[in-house]
Amino acid sequence: MANYVITIGREHGSGGRYLGEELARVLGIKCYDSELIAETAAKSGFAEGFVQSHEEQRPQSFLYSLVTGSAGFMGDQPVSVQLFQAQAEVIRNAARSG
């Protein structure tokens, strides 16, 4: 069977978690939810609470965040870019592992 990566964007109360769990059950694949937050935190070095709160924010323009001073840099890259890269790597690793 091919490796699947299905992402479900959701808002609180939307039933997205239930939908994801049911879809995973029907397809016979693993469903990741808060595990991605924990693994992203471990990979990025940021606290789980920070990763969780950043994950729940509405995306905004990077240019806007630079102009308003809310980009938040640590090292050479903005925090949002670092978190995205860490989470992308966690998802790629999960897909590779089946």
C-alpha atoms as a PDB file:
ATOM      1  CA  MET A   1       0.000   0.000   0.000  1.00  0.00           C
ATOM      2  CA  ALA A   2       1.267   3.505  -0.797  1.00  0.00           C
ATOM      3  CA  ASN A   3       2.058   5.930   1.988  1.00  0.00           C
ATOM      4  CA  TYR A   4      -0.665   8.533   2.469  1.00  0.00           C
ATOM      5  CA  VAL A   5      -0.327  12.001   3.889  1.00  0.00           C
ATOM      6  CA  ILE A   6      -3.705  13.619   4.404  1.00  0.00           C
ATOM      7  CA  THR A   7      -3.933  16.899   6.270  1.00  0.00           C
ATOM      8  CA  ILE A   8      -7.139  18.254   7.715  1.00  0.00           C
ATOM      9  CA  GLY A   9      -7.304  21.903   8.632  1.00  0.00           C
ATOM     10  CA  ARG A  10      -9.866  22.510  11.307  1.00  0.00           C
ATOM     11  CA  GLU A  11     -11.230  24.892  13.864  1.00  0.00           C
ATOM     12  CA  HIS A  12     -12.320  24.136  17.393  1.00  0.00           C
ATOM     13  CA  GLY A  13     -15.662  22.341  17.380  1.00  0.00           C
ATOM     14  CA  SER A  14     -15.586  21.485  13.677  1.00  0.00           C
ATOM     15  CA  GLY A  15     -15.353  17.721  14.147  1.00  0.00           C
ATOM     16  CA  GLY A  16     -12.042  17.572  12.269  1.00  0.00           C
ATOM     17  CA  ARG A  17     -10.427  15.252  14.791  1.00  0.00           C
ATOM     18  CA  TYR A  18     -13.304  12.775  14.541  1.00  0.00           C
ATOM     19  CA  LEU A  19     -13.218  12.991  10.741  1.00  0.00           C
ATOM     20  CA  GLY A  20      -9.475  12.346  10.701  1.00  0.00           C
ATOM     21  CA  GLU A  21      -9.744   9.386  13.061  1.00  0.00           C
ATOM     22  CA  GLU A  22     -12.579   7.840  11.055  1.00  0.00           C
ATOM     23  CA  LEU A  23     -10.794   8.378   7.751  1.00  0.00           C
ATOM     24  CA  ALA A  24      -7.633   6.776   9.145  1.00  0.00           C
ATOM     25  CA  ARG A  25      -9.672   3.837  10.442  1.00  0.00           C
ATOM     26  CA  VAL A  26     -11.380   3.286   7.085  1.00  0.00           C
ATOM     27  CA  LEU A  27      -8.086   3.548   5.176  1.00  0.00           C
ATOM     28  CA  GLY A  28      -6.205   1.463   7.719  1.00  0.00           C
ATOM     29  CA  ILE A  29      -3.586   4.124   8.362  1.00  0.00           C
ATOM     30  CA  LYS A  30      -2.286   5.877  11.473  1.00  0.00           C
ATOM     31  CA  CYS A  31      -3.815   9.176  12.524  1.00  0.00           C
ATOM     32  CA  TYR A  32      -1.445  11.767  13.973  1.00  0.00           C
ATOM     33  CA  ASP A  33      -2.726  14.695  15.972  1.00  0.00           C
ATOM     34  CA  SER A  34      -1.028  15.946  19.113  1.00  0.00           C
ATOM     35  CA  GLU A  35       1.869  13.587  18.396  1.00  0.00           C
ATOM     36  CA  LEU A  36       2.913  15.946  15.602  1.00  0.00           C
ATOM     37  CA  ILE A  37       3.045  18.838  18.060  1.00  0.00           C
ATOM     38  CA  ALA A  38       5.214  16.861  20.492  1.00  0.00           C
ATOM     39  CA  GLU A  39       7.573  15.660  17.773  1.00  0.00           C
ATOM     40  CA  THR A  40       7.813  19.127  16.229  1.00  0.00           C
ATOM     41  CA  ALA A  41       8.648  20.590  19.634  1.00  0.00           C
ATOM     42  CA  ALA A  42      11.373  17.991  20.174  1.00  0.00           C
ATOM     43  CA  LYS A  43      12.833  18.569  16.696  1.00  0.00           C
ATOM     44  CA  SER A  44      12.701  22.376  16.853  1.00  0.00           C
ATOM     45  CA  GLY A  45      13.749  22.811  20.471  1.00  0.00           C
ATOM     46  CA  PHE A  46      10.694  24.945  21.248  1.00  0.00           C
ATOM     47  CA  ALA A  47       8.344  24.108  24.121  1.00  0.00           C
ATOM     48  CA  GLU A  48       5.242  22.078  23.244  1.00  0.00           C
ATOM     49  CA  GLY A  49       2.973  24.859  24.487  1.00  0.00           C
ATOM     50  CA  PHE A  50       4.696  27.352  22.214  1.00  0.00           C
ATOM     51  CA  VAL A  51       4.383  25.053  19.194  1.00  0.00           C
ATOM     52  CA  GLN A  52       0.710  24.398  20.027  1.00  0.00           C
ATOM     53  CA  SER A  53      -0.137  28.084  20.371  1.00  0.00           C
ATOM     54  CA  HIS A  54       1.718  28.925  17.162  1.00  0.00           C
ATOM     55  CA  GLU A  55      -0.087  26.102  15.351  1.00  0.00           C
ATOM     56  CA  GLU A  56      -3.466  27.522  16.379  1.00  0.00           C
ATOM     57  CA  GLN A  57      -2.768  31.035  15.099  1.00  0.00           C
ATOM     58  CA  ARG A  58      -4.247  32.132  11.823  1.00  0.00           C
ATOM     59  CA  PRO A  59      -1.601  32.336   9.130  1.00  0.00           C
ATOM     60  CA  GLN A  60      -0.576  35.831   8.189  1.00  0.00           C
ATOM     61  CA  SER A  61       1.654  37.367   5.611  1.00  0.00           C
ATOM     62  CA  PHE A  62       5.343  37.043   6.430  1.00  0.00           C
ATOM     63  CA  LEU A  63       5.880  40.528   4.987  1.00  0.00           C
ATOM     64  CA  TYR A  64       3.153  41.910   7.278  1.00  0.00           C
ATOM     65  CA  SER A  65       4.787  40.269  10.299  1.00  0.00           C
ATOM     66  CA  LEU A  66       8.145  41.811   9.355  1.00  0.00           C
ATOM     67  CA  VAL A  67       6.629  45.278   9.021  1.00  0.00           C
ATOM     68  CA  THR A  68       4.735  45.050  12.315  1.00  0.00           C
ATOM     69  CA  GLY A  69       7.669  43.504  14.149  1.00  0.00           C
ATOM     70  CA  SER A  70       5.805  40.321  15.026  1.00  0.00           C
ATOM     71  CA  ALA A  71       7.953  37.951  12.950  1.00  0.00           C
ATOM     72  CA  GLY A  72      10.056  36.791  15.889  1.00  0.00           C
ATOM     73  CA  PHE A  73      13.536  35.768  14.788  1.00  0.00           C
ATOM     74  CA  MET A  74      15.697  33.156  16.473  1.00  0.00           C
ATOM     75  CA  GLY A  75      18.910  32.604  14.588  1.00  0.00           C
ATOM     76  CA  ASP A  76      18.864  33.282  10.867  1.00  0.00           C
ATOM     77  CA  GLN A  77      15.210  32.465  10.236  1.00  0.00           C
ATOM     78  CA  PRO A  78      11.881  33.620  11.637  1.00  0.00           C
ATOM     79  CA  VAL A  79      10.350  31.321  14.239  1.00  0.00           C
ATOM     80  CA  SER A  80       7.420  30.556  11.921  1.00  0.00           C
ATOM     81  CA  VAL A  81       9.806  29.272   9.249  1.00  0.00           C
ATOM     82  CA  GLN A  82      11.727  27.176  11.776  1.00  0.00           C
ATOM     83  CA  LEU A  83       8.518  25.612  13.063  1.00  0.00           C
ATOM     84  CA  PHE A  84       7.250  24.947   9.540  1.00  0.00           C
ATOM     85  CA  GLN A  85      10.505  23.254   8.576  1.00  0.00           C
ATOM     86  CA  ALA A  86      10.540  21.131  11.737  1.00  0.00           C
ATOM     87  CA  GLN A  87       6.912  20.082  11.273  1.00  0.00           C
ATOM     88  CA  ALA A  88       7.464  19.311   7.581  1.00  0.00           C
ATOM     89  CA  GLU A  89      10.375  17.045   8.500  1.00  0.00           C
ATOM     90  CA  VAL A  90       8.286  15.278  11.168  1.00  0.00           C
ATOM     91  CA  ILE A  91       5.524  14.656   8.601  1.00  0.00           C
ATOM     92  CA  ARG A  92       7.998  13.418   5.980  1.00  0.00           C
ATOM     93  CA  ASN A  93       9.523  11.022   8.535  1.00  0.00           C
ATOM     94  CA  ALA A  94       6.079   9.729   9.489  1.00  0.00           C
ATOM     95  CA  ALA A  95       5.224   9.162   5.822  1.00  0.00           C
ATOM     96  CA  ARG A  96       8.501   7.328   5.217  1.00  0.00           C
ATOM     97  CA  SER A  97       7.903   5.057   8.182  1.00  0.00           C
ATOM     98  CA  GLY A  98       4.530   3.979   6.803  1.00  0.00           C
END
